[in-house]
C-alpha atoms as a PDB file:
ATOM      1  CA  MET A   1      26.040  21.569   2.833  1.00  0.00           C
ATOM      2  CA  THR A   2      25.494  17.699   2.148  1.00  0.00           C
ATOM      3  CA  SER A   3      25.324  16.734  -1.551  1.00  0.00           C
ATOM      4  CA  ARG A   4      21.642  15.950  -0.554  1.00  0.00           C
ATOM      5  CA  LEU A   5      20.714  19.028  -0.184  1.00  0.00           C
ATOM      6  CA  GLU A   6      22.940  20.834  -2.716  1.00  0.00           C
ATOM      7  CA  LYS A   7      21.399  18.482  -5.110  1.00  0.00           C
ATOM      8  CA  PHE A   8      17.622  19.743  -4.431  1.00  0.00           C
ATOM      9  CA  ILE A   9      19.183  23.015  -4.587  1.00  0.00           C
ATOM     10  CA  LYS A  10      20.221  22.486  -7.633  1.00  0.00           C
ATOM     11  CA  SER A  11      17.163  21.082  -8.983  1.00  0.00           C
ATOM     12  CA  LEU A  12      14.819  24.018  -8.113  1.00  0.00           C
ATOM     13  CA  ASP A  13      13.873  26.619 -10.829  1.00  0.00           C
ATOM     14  CA  LYS A  14      16.071  29.605 -11.126  1.00  0.00           C
ATOM     15  CA  LYS A  15      13.179  31.984  -9.359  1.00  0.00           C
ATOM     16  CA  THR A  16      12.391  29.565  -6.255  1.00  0.00           C
ATOM     17  CA  LYS A  17      16.550  29.253  -5.938  1.00  0.00           C
ATOM     18  CA  ASP A  18      17.230  33.208  -6.185  1.00  0.00           C
ATOM     19  CA  ARG A  19      13.779  33.556  -3.051  1.00  0.00           C
ATOM     20  CA  LEU A  20      15.962  30.580  -1.065  1.00  0.00           C
ATOM     21  CA  LYS A  21      19.282  32.122  -1.249  1.00  0.00           C
ATOM     22  CA  LYS A  22      17.879  35.645  -0.684  1.00  0.00           C
ATOM     23  CA  LYS A  23      16.112  33.948   2.823  1.00  0.00           C
ATOM     24  CA  LEU A  24      19.119  31.657   3.954  1.00  0.00           C
ATOM     25  CA  ASN A  25      20.992  34.695   3.851  1.00  0.00           C
ATOM     26  CA  SER A  26      18.833  36.518   5.886  1.00  0.00           C
ATOM     27  CA  ILE A  27      18.624  33.818   8.589  1.00  0.00           C
ATOM     28  CA  LYS A  28      22.527  34.574   8.768  1.00  0.00           C
ATOM     29  CA  SER A  29      22.214  38.013  10.992  1.00  0.00           C
ATOM     30  CA  ASN A  30      19.025  36.801  13.074  1.00  0.00           C
ATOM     31  CA  PRO A  31      18.411  33.182  13.048  1.00  0.00           C
ATOM     32  CA  ARG A  32      15.924  33.112  15.493  1.00  0.00           C
ATOM     33  CA  LYS A  33      13.660  36.166  14.378  1.00  0.00           C
ATOM     34  CA  GLY A  34      11.222  36.794  11.395  1.00  0.00           C
ATOM     35  CA  ALA A  35       8.058  36.523  10.005  1.00  0.00           C
ATOM     36  CA  ASN A  36       9.052  32.777   8.357  1.00  0.00           C
ATOM     37  CA  ILE A  37      10.888  31.267  11.248  1.00  0.00           C
ATOM     38  CA  LYS A  38       9.373  28.899  14.076  1.00  0.00           C
ATOM     39  CA  ARG A  39      11.706  27.550  17.039  1.00  0.00           C
ATOM     40  CA  LEU A  40      10.828  23.481  16.675  1.00  0.00           C
ATOM     41  CA  GLN A  41       9.274  21.660  19.496  1.00  0.00           C
ATOM     42  CA  GLY A  42      11.020  18.337  20.677  1.00  0.00           C
ATOM     43  CA  ALA A  43      14.308  17.234  21.911  1.00  0.00           C
ATOM     44  CA  GLU A  44      16.546  19.162  20.783  1.00  0.00           C
ATOM     45  CA  LYS A  45      17.130  22.225  21.764  1.00  0.00           C
ATOM     46  CA  ASP A  46      17.372  25.872  19.407  1.00  0.00           C
ATOM     47  CA  LEU A  47      16.216  23.861  16.209  1.00  0.00           C
ATOM     48  CA  TYR A  48      14.169  26.195  13.490  1.00  0.00           C
ATOM     49  CA  ARG A  49      11.787  25.836  10.451  1.00  0.00           C
ATOM     50  CA  LEU A  50      12.683  28.653   8.102  1.00  0.00           C
ATOM     51  CA  ARG A  51       9.317  28.702   5.509  1.00  0.00           C
ATOM     52  CA  THR A  52       9.853  29.784   1.324  1.00  0.00           C
ATOM     53  CA  GLY A  53       6.968  29.566   0.167  1.00  0.00           C
ATOM     54  CA  LYS A  54       6.268  25.241  -0.485  1.00  0.00           C
ATOM     55  CA  ILE A  55      10.022  24.408   0.643  1.00  0.00           C
ATOM     56  CA  ARG A  56      10.978  23.864   4.368  1.00  0.00           C
ATOM     57  CA  VAL A  57      14.792  24.847   6.127  1.00  0.00           C
ATOM     58  CA  ILE A  58      15.239  22.975   9.469  1.00  0.00           C
ATOM     59  CA  TYR A  59      18.202  24.393  11.124  1.00  0.00           C
ATOM     60  CA  LYS A  60      19.769  24.834  13.771  1.00  0.00           C
ATOM     61  CA  ILE A  61      22.211  27.644  16.172  1.00  0.00           C
ATOM     62  CA  VAL A  62      25.417  26.769  17.560  1.00  0.00           C
ATOM     63  CA  LYS A  63      27.198  28.686  19.232  1.00  0.00           C
ATOM     64  CA  ASN A  64      25.918  32.052  16.940  1.00  0.00           C
ATOM     65  CA  GLU A  65      26.497  29.912  14.187  1.00  0.00           C
ATOM     66  CA  VAL A  66      23.509  28.789  11.925  1.00  0.00           C
ATOM     67  CA  GLN A  67      23.867  25.245  10.628  1.00  0.00           C
ATOM     68  CA  ILE A  68      21.445  23.376   7.696  1.00  0.00           C
ATOM     69  CA  ILE A  69      20.176  20.052   8.967  1.00  0.00           C
ATOM     70  CA  ASP A  70      17.433  19.834   6.334  1.00  0.00           C
ATOM     71  CA  ILE A  71      15.436  21.956   3.490  1.00  0.00           C
ATOM     72  CA  ASP A  72      12.997  19.394   1.468  1.00  0.00           C
ATOM     73  CA  TYR A  73       9.209  20.800   0.138  1.00  0.00           C
ATOM     74  CA  ARG A  74       6.400  20.951   3.182  1.00  0.00           C
ATOM     75  CA  GLY A  75       5.059  17.326   2.754  1.00  0.00           C
ATOM     76  CA  ASN A  76       8.556  15.972   2.825  1.00  0.00           C
ATOM     77  CA  ILE A  77      10.409  17.277   5.622  1.00  0.00           C
ATOM     78  CA  TYR A  78       7.973  16.830   8.457  1.00  0.00           C
END
């Protein structure tokens, strides 16, 4: 993760941070399916969005490995 992503996660309150970490761990086992996971339309293949409350996580899947691209609030990420 980049320093900007780490800084964003550190800025969250404990409850939100714990919920986000739980969701991030869950996408490791099944990154393409879930209630709050959608494939993004556009140029890049295998680009997905994870929704957890007001926070959105944009990630891609490369060789069955999840690479987080961006984490931010809904209004700032799209």
